[in-house]
Amino acid sequence: MKRIYLAGAYSGNNVLGTLNNIRKGIRLATEVLLTGFSPFVPWFDFYFQLMLRENEHLTLEQYYNYCIEWLKVSDAILLVPGWEDSKGTKEEINLARKLNIPIYYKLMDLIKENKV
């Protein structure tokens, strides 16, 4: 099963924008899983934050580093529509290019080229 890193906007201009980005990312990840790939879903990160105890904390840097480690072992990246405004996604794309990890803009292109 190929590992697909989903990349796209997380933060929004307000809480509704952020929730909408989370919805879009998780929805596409669901489609990726239904298609037969194994998606890495950065939008599930909020669960870590919800599970922290009073004396525990995670920094943004820890979240970024954890995601980048998954990116490094992924077979491809699939971009979530609306990624263009995401600074983090642009950095992920640059790293993927350096690592020769294929980048896909549409799920159908990923499917066609990887014949699940």
N, C-alpha and C. Protein backbone atom coordinates (compact mmCIF):
# COMPACT_ATOMS: atom_id res chain seq x y z
N MET A 1 0.85 -1.17 0.00
CA MET A 1 0.00 0.00 0.00
C MET A 1 0.89 1.24 0.00
N LYS A 2 0.72 2.10 -0.98
CA LYS A 2 1.56 3.30 -1.08
C LYS A 2 1.14 4.34 -0.05
N ARG A 3 2.17 4.98 0.52
CA ARG A 3 1.96 6.02 1.53
C ARG A 3 1.84 7.38 0.83
N ILE A 4 0.71 8.03 1.06
CA ILE A 4 0.44 9.32 0.42
C ILE A 4 0.34 10.40 1.48
N TYR A 5 1.18 11.39 1.36
CA TYR A 5 1.18 12.53 2.27
C TYR A 5 0.24 13.58 1.71
N LEU A 6 -0.78 13.92 2.46
CA LEU A 6 -1.69 14.98 2.03
C LEU A 6 -1.18 16.31 2.54
N ALA A 7 -1.15 17.29 1.67
CA ALA A 7 -0.64 18.61 2.03
C ALA A 7 -1.64 19.67 1.61
N GLY A 8 -1.88 20.60 2.51
CA GLY A 8 -2.80 21.68 2.21
C GLY A 8 -2.89 22.62 3.39
N ALA A 9 -3.70 23.63 3.23
CA ALA A 9 -3.87 24.63 4.28
C ALA A 9 -4.48 24.00 5.53
N TYR A 10 -3.99 24.43 6.67
CA TYR A 10 -4.55 24.01 7.96
C TYR A 10 -5.21 25.23 8.60
N SER A 11 -4.44 26.25 8.87
CA SER A 11 -4.97 27.45 9.49
C SER A 11 -5.83 28.23 8.50
N GLY A 12 -6.82 28.92 9.05
CA GLY A 12 -7.67 29.79 8.25
C GLY A 12 -7.65 31.19 8.83
N ASN A 13 -8.44 32.07 8.26
CA ASN A 13 -8.52 33.44 8.76
C ASN A 13 -9.25 33.53 10.09
N ASN A 14 -10.05 32.51 10.39
CA ASN A 14 -10.79 32.45 11.65
C ASN A 14 -11.05 30.98 11.95
N VAL A 15 -11.74 30.70 13.03
CA VAL A 15 -11.95 29.31 13.44
C VAL A 15 -12.75 28.54 12.40
N LEU A 16 -13.72 29.19 11.76
CA LEU A 16 -14.50 28.50 10.73
C LEU A 16 -13.65 28.17 9.51
N GLY A 17 -12.74 29.06 9.16
CA GLY A 17 -11.83 28.79 8.05
C GLY A 17 -10.92 27.62 8.36
N THR A 18 -10.42 27.56 9.59
CA THR A 18 -9.57 26.45 10.01
C THR A 18 -10.35 25.14 9.99
N LEU A 19 -11.57 25.17 10.54
CA LEU A 19 -12.39 23.95 10.54
C LEU A 19 -12.71 23.49 9.11
N ASN A 20 -12.94 24.43 8.22
CA ASN A 20 -13.21 24.08 6.83
C ASN A 20 -11.99 23.43 6.19
N ASN A 21 -10.79 23.95 6.48
CA ASN A 21 -9.56 23.35 5.96
C ASN A 21 -9.39 21.93 6.49
N ILE A 22 -9.68 21.74 7.77
CA ILE A 22 -9.59 20.40 8.37
C ILE A 22 -10.57 19.46 7.67
N ARG A 23 -11.79 19.93 7.46
CA ARG A 23 -12.80 19.10 6.77
C ARG A 23 -12.34 18.70 5.38
N LYS A 24 -11.83 19.66 4.61
CA LYS A 24 -11.39 19.36 3.25
C LYS A 24 -10.25 18.35 3.25
N GLY A 25 -9.29 18.53 4.17
CA GLY A 25 -8.15 17.61 4.22
C GLY A 25 -8.56 16.21 4.62
N ILE A 26 -9.40 16.10 5.63
CA ILE A 26 -9.84 14.77 6.09
C ILE A 26 -10.74 14.11 5.05
N ARG A 27 -11.57 14.90 4.37
CA ARG A 27 -12.44 14.32 3.33
C ARG A 27 -11.61 13.73 2.20
N LEU A 28 -10.60 14.47 1.74
CA LEU A 28 -9.75 13.94 0.67
C LEU A 28 -8.97 12.73 1.16
N ALA A 29 -8.52 12.76 2.40
CA ALA A 29 -7.81 11.61 2.96
C ALA A 29 -8.70 10.37 2.98
N THR A 30 -9.98 10.57 3.27
CA THR A 30 -10.93 9.46 3.26
C THR A 30 -11.04 8.88 1.85
N GLU A 31 -11.10 9.74 0.85
CA GLU A 31 -11.15 9.28 -0.53
C GLU A 31 -9.88 8.52 -0.90
N VAL A 32 -8.75 9.01 -0.45
CA VAL A 32 -7.46 8.35 -0.71
C VAL A 32 -7.46 6.95 -0.10
N LEU A 33 -7.92 6.84 1.13
CA LEU A 33 -7.98 5.53 1.80
C LEU A 33 -8.96 4.59 1.09
N LEU A 34 -10.12 5.12 0.70
CA LEU A 34 -11.11 4.30 -0.02
C LEU A 34 -10.57 3.80 -1.36
N THR A 35 -9.63 4.55 -1.92
CA THR A 35 -9.05 4.20 -3.22
C THR A 35 -7.97 3.13 -3.09
N GLY A 36 -7.50 2.89 -1.86
CA GLY A 36 -6.52 1.83 -1.67
C GLY A 36 -5.13 2.30 -1.28
N PHE A 37 -4.97 3.59 -1.03
CA PHE A 37 -3.69 4.12 -0.58
C PHE A 37 -3.72 4.29 0.94
N SER A 38 -2.55 4.53 1.50
CA SER A 38 -2.43 4.77 2.94
C SER A 38 -2.09 6.25 3.16
N PRO A 39 -3.08 7.07 3.54
CA PRO A 39 -2.82 8.51 3.66
C PRO A 39 -2.23 8.91 5.00
N PHE A 40 -1.32 9.89 4.97
CA PHE A 40 -0.90 10.58 6.18
C PHE A 40 -1.74 11.85 6.24
N VAL A 41 -2.41 12.07 7.37
CA VAL A 41 -3.41 13.14 7.49
C VAL A 41 -3.00 14.15 8.56
N PRO A 42 -2.32 15.23 8.20
CA PRO A 42 -1.89 16.20 9.20
C PRO A 42 -3.04 16.86 9.95
N TRP A 43 -4.24 16.82 9.40
CA TRP A 43 -5.38 17.46 10.06
C TRP A 43 -5.86 16.67 11.28
N PHE A 44 -5.33 15.48 11.48
CA PHE A 44 -5.63 14.74 12.71
C PHE A 44 -4.77 15.23 13.88
N ASP A 45 -3.83 16.13 13.62
CA ASP A 45 -2.94 16.63 14.68
C ASP A 45 -3.70 17.25 15.85
N PHE A 46 -4.88 17.80 15.57
CA PHE A 46 -5.60 18.46 16.65
C PHE A 46 -5.93 17.49 17.78
N TYR A 47 -6.00 16.19 17.46
CA TYR A 47 -6.26 15.20 18.52
C TYR A 47 -5.13 15.18 19.55
N PHE A 48 -3.90 15.34 19.10
CA PHE A 48 -2.78 15.40 20.04
C PHE A 48 -2.99 16.56 21.02
N GLN A 49 -3.38 17.70 20.49
CA GLN A 49 -3.57 18.89 21.32
C GLN A 49 -4.68 18.65 22.34
N LEU A 50 -5.73 17.98 21.93
CA LEU A 50 -6.85 17.71 22.84
C LEU A 50 -6.48 16.72 23.95
N MET A 51 -5.49 15.88 23.71
CA MET A 51 -5.12 14.85 24.67
C MET A 51 -4.03 15.28 25.65
N LEU A 52 -3.48 16.47 25.48
CA LEU A 52 -2.43 16.93 26.39
C LEU A 52 -2.99 17.18 27.79
N ARG A 53 -2.20 16.83 28.78
CA ARG A 53 -2.56 17.12 30.17
C ARG A 53 -2.10 18.54 30.51
N GLU A 54 -2.50 19.01 31.67
CA GLU A 54 -2.19 20.38 32.11
C GLU A 54 -0.70 20.73 32.00
N ASN A 55 0.18 19.82 32.36
CA ASN A 55 1.62 20.12 32.39
C ASN A 55 2.34 19.72 31.10
N GLU A 56 1.61 19.32 30.10
CA GLU A 56 2.22 18.91 28.83
C GLU A 56 1.96 19.96 27.75
N HIS A 57 2.87 20.02 26.80
CA HIS A 57 2.67 20.92 25.67
C HIS A 57 3.47 20.44 24.47
N LEU A 58 2.98 20.77 23.32
CA LEU A 58 3.68 20.53 22.07
C LEU A 58 3.82 21.88 21.37
N THR A 59 4.96 22.09 20.76
CA THR A 59 5.19 23.34 20.04
C THR A 59 4.84 23.16 18.56
N LEU A 60 4.67 24.28 17.89
CA LEU A 60 4.45 24.21 16.44
C LEU A 60 5.62 23.52 15.76
N GLU A 61 6.81 23.79 16.23
CA GLU A 61 8.00 23.17 15.65
C GLU A 61 7.93 21.64 15.78
N GLN A 62 7.46 21.14 16.90
CA GLN A 62 7.31 19.69 17.07
C GLN A 62 6.30 19.13 16.08
N TYR A 63 5.20 19.83 15.89
CA TYR A 63 4.21 19.38 14.91
C TYR A 63 4.81 19.37 13.51
N TYR A 64 5.50 20.46 13.15
CA TYR A 64 6.11 20.54 11.82
C TYR A 64 7.13 19.41 11.62
N ASN A 65 7.99 19.21 12.60
CA ASN A 65 9.03 18.18 12.48
C ASN A 65 8.43 16.79 12.35
N TYR A 66 7.39 16.52 13.11
CA TYR A 66 6.73 15.22 13.04
C TYR A 66 6.13 14.99 11.65
N CYS A 67 5.50 16.02 11.10
CA CYS A 67 4.93 15.88 9.76
C CYS A 67 6.02 15.68 8.70
N ILE A 68 7.10 16.44 8.81
CA ILE A 68 8.19 16.33 7.83
C ILE A 68 8.79 14.93 7.83
N GLU A 69 8.89 14.30 8.99
CA GLU A 69 9.41 12.93 9.04
C GLU A 69 8.51 11.98 8.26
N TRP A 70 7.20 12.20 8.32
CA TRP A 70 6.28 11.38 7.53
C TRP A 70 6.40 11.70 6.04
N LEU A 71 6.58 12.95 5.73
CA LEU A 71 6.76 13.34 4.33
C LEU A 71 7.97 12.62 3.73
N LYS A 72 9.06 12.57 4.48
CA LYS A 72 10.30 11.96 3.98
C LYS A 72 10.14 10.49 3.60
N VAL A 73 9.21 9.79 4.21
CA VAL A 73 9.03 8.36 3.91
C VAL A 73 7.79 8.09 3.05
N SER A 74 7.19 9.14 2.54
CA SER A 74 6.00 8.98 1.71
C SER A 74 6.38 8.66 0.27
N ASP A 75 5.48 7.96 -0.40
CA ASP A 75 5.70 7.60 -1.80
C ASP A 75 5.25 8.72 -2.74
N ALA A 76 4.38 9.59 -2.26
CA ALA A 76 3.88 10.70 -3.08
C ALA A 76 3.21 11.71 -2.17
N ILE A 77 3.02 12.90 -2.73
CA ILE A 77 2.24 13.96 -2.05
C ILE A 77 1.02 14.24 -2.91
N LEU A 78 -0.11 14.40 -2.24
CA LEU A 78 -1.34 14.83 -2.90
C LEU A 78 -1.73 16.16 -2.29
N LEU A 79 -1.92 17.17 -3.12
CA LEU A 79 -2.26 18.50 -2.64
C LEU A 79 -3.77 18.66 -2.54
N VAL A 80 -4.19 19.24 -1.43
CA VAL A 80 -5.61 19.50 -1.19
C VAL A 80 -5.95 20.84 -1.83
N PRO A 81 -7.05 20.91 -2.58
CA PRO A 81 -7.43 22.19 -3.19
C PRO A 81 -7.41 23.32 -2.16
N GLY A 82 -6.87 24.46 -2.57
CA GLY A 82 -6.72 25.60 -1.68
C GLY A 82 -5.33 25.68 -1.05
N TRP A 83 -4.45 24.76 -1.42
CA TRP A 83 -3.10 24.70 -0.86
C TRP A 83 -2.27 25.94 -1.21
N GLU A 84 -2.65 26.63 -2.27
CA GLU A 84 -1.83 27.72 -2.80
C GLU A 84 -1.55 28.83 -1.78
N ASP A 85 -2.42 29.01 -0.82
CA ASP A 85 -2.24 30.07 0.17
C ASP A 85 -1.51 29.60 1.42
N SER A 86 -1.01 28.38 1.41
CA SER A 86 -0.38 27.81 2.59
C SER A 86 1.14 27.86 2.48
N LYS A 87 1.75 28.65 3.36
CA LYS A 87 3.22 28.74 3.40
C LYS A 87 3.83 27.38 3.71
N GLY A 88 3.26 26.67 4.67
CA GLY A 88 3.77 25.35 5.05
C GLY A 88 3.72 24.36 3.91
N THR A 89 2.63 24.38 3.15
CA THR A 89 2.51 23.46 2.02
C THR A 89 3.56 23.76 0.96
N LYS A 90 3.84 25.02 0.73
CA LYS A 90 4.88 25.38 -0.25
C LYS A 90 6.24 24.84 0.20
N GLU A 91 6.51 24.88 1.49
CA GLU A 91 7.76 24.31 2.01
C GLU A 91 7.78 22.79 1.84
N GLU A 92 6.63 22.15 2.06
CA GLU A 92 6.54 20.70 1.87
C GLU A 92 6.77 20.32 0.41
N ILE A 93 6.23 21.10 -0.49
CA ILE A 93 6.43 20.86 -1.93
C ILE A 93 7.91 20.98 -2.27
N ASN A 94 8.57 22.01 -1.77
CA ASN A 94 10.00 22.19 -2.03
C ASN A 94 10.81 21.00 -1.53
N LEU A 95 10.49 20.52 -0.33
CA LEU A 95 11.20 19.37 0.21
C LEU A 95 10.93 18.12 -0.63
N ALA A 96 9.68 17.93 -1.02
CA ALA A 96 9.34 16.77 -1.86
C ALA A 96 10.12 16.80 -3.17
N ARG A 97 10.25 17.95 -3.75
CA ARG A 97 11.02 18.07 -5.00
C ARG A 97 12.48 17.69 -4.77
N LYS A 98 13.05 18.16 -3.66
CA LYS A 98 14.44 17.83 -3.34
C LYS A 98 14.62 16.32 -3.14
N LEU A 99 13.59 15.67 -2.59
CA LEU A 99 13.65 14.23 -2.30
C LEU A 99 13.13 13.38 -3.45
N ASN A 100 12.77 14.02 -4.56
CA ASN A 100 12.22 13.33 -5.73
C ASN A 100 10.95 12.55 -5.40
N ILE A 101 10.12 13.11 -4.54
CA ILE A 101 8.83 12.51 -4.22
C ILE A 101 7.81 13.10 -5.18
N PRO A 102 7.09 12.26 -5.91
CA PRO A 102 6.09 12.78 -6.87
C PRO A 102 5.02 13.62 -6.17
N ILE A 103 4.60 14.66 -6.86
CA ILE A 103 3.57 15.56 -6.34
C ILE A 103 2.36 15.49 -7.27
N TYR A 104 1.20 15.29 -6.68
CA TYR A 104 -0.04 15.21 -7.46
C TYR A 104 -0.99 16.31 -7.02
N TYR A 105 -1.68 16.87 -8.01
CA TYR A 105 -2.63 17.94 -7.75
C TYR A 105 -4.06 17.43 -7.72
N LYS A 106 -4.26 16.22 -8.25
CA LYS A 106 -5.60 15.63 -8.30
C LYS A 106 -5.51 14.15 -7.96
N LEU A 107 -6.51 13.68 -7.22
CA LEU A 107 -6.55 12.28 -6.84
C LEU A 107 -6.58 11.37 -8.07
N MET A 108 -7.31 11.76 -9.10
CA MET A 108 -7.40 10.92 -10.30
C MET A 108 -6.04 10.74 -10.95
N ASP A 109 -5.21 11.75 -10.94
CA ASP A 109 -3.85 11.63 -11.50
C ASP A 109 -3.02 10.66 -10.67
N LEU A 110 -3.15 10.72 -9.36
CA LEU A 110 -2.46 9.78 -8.47
C LEU A 110 -2.89 8.36 -8.78
N ILE A 111 -4.17 8.16 -8.94
CA ILE A 111 -4.70 6.83 -9.23
C ILE A 111 -4.19 6.32 -10.58
N LYS A 112 -4.29 7.16 -11.61
CA LYS A 112 -3.86 6.76 -12.96
C LYS A 112 -2.40 6.34 -12.99
N GLU A 113 -1.55 7.11 -12.32
CA GLU A 113 -0.12 6.83 -12.39
C GLU A 113 0.34 5.73 -11.44
N ASN A 114 -0.51 5.35 -10.52
CA ASN A 114 -0.10 4.33 -9.53
C ASN A 114 -0.99 3.10 -9.53
N LYS A 115 -1.91 3.03 -10.41
CA LYS A 115 -2.79 1.87 -10.63
C LYS A 115 -2.97 1.02 -9.37
N VAL A 116 -3.85 1.50 -8.51
CA VAL A 116 -4.13 0.79 -7.24
C VAL A 116 -4.86 -0.50 -7.53
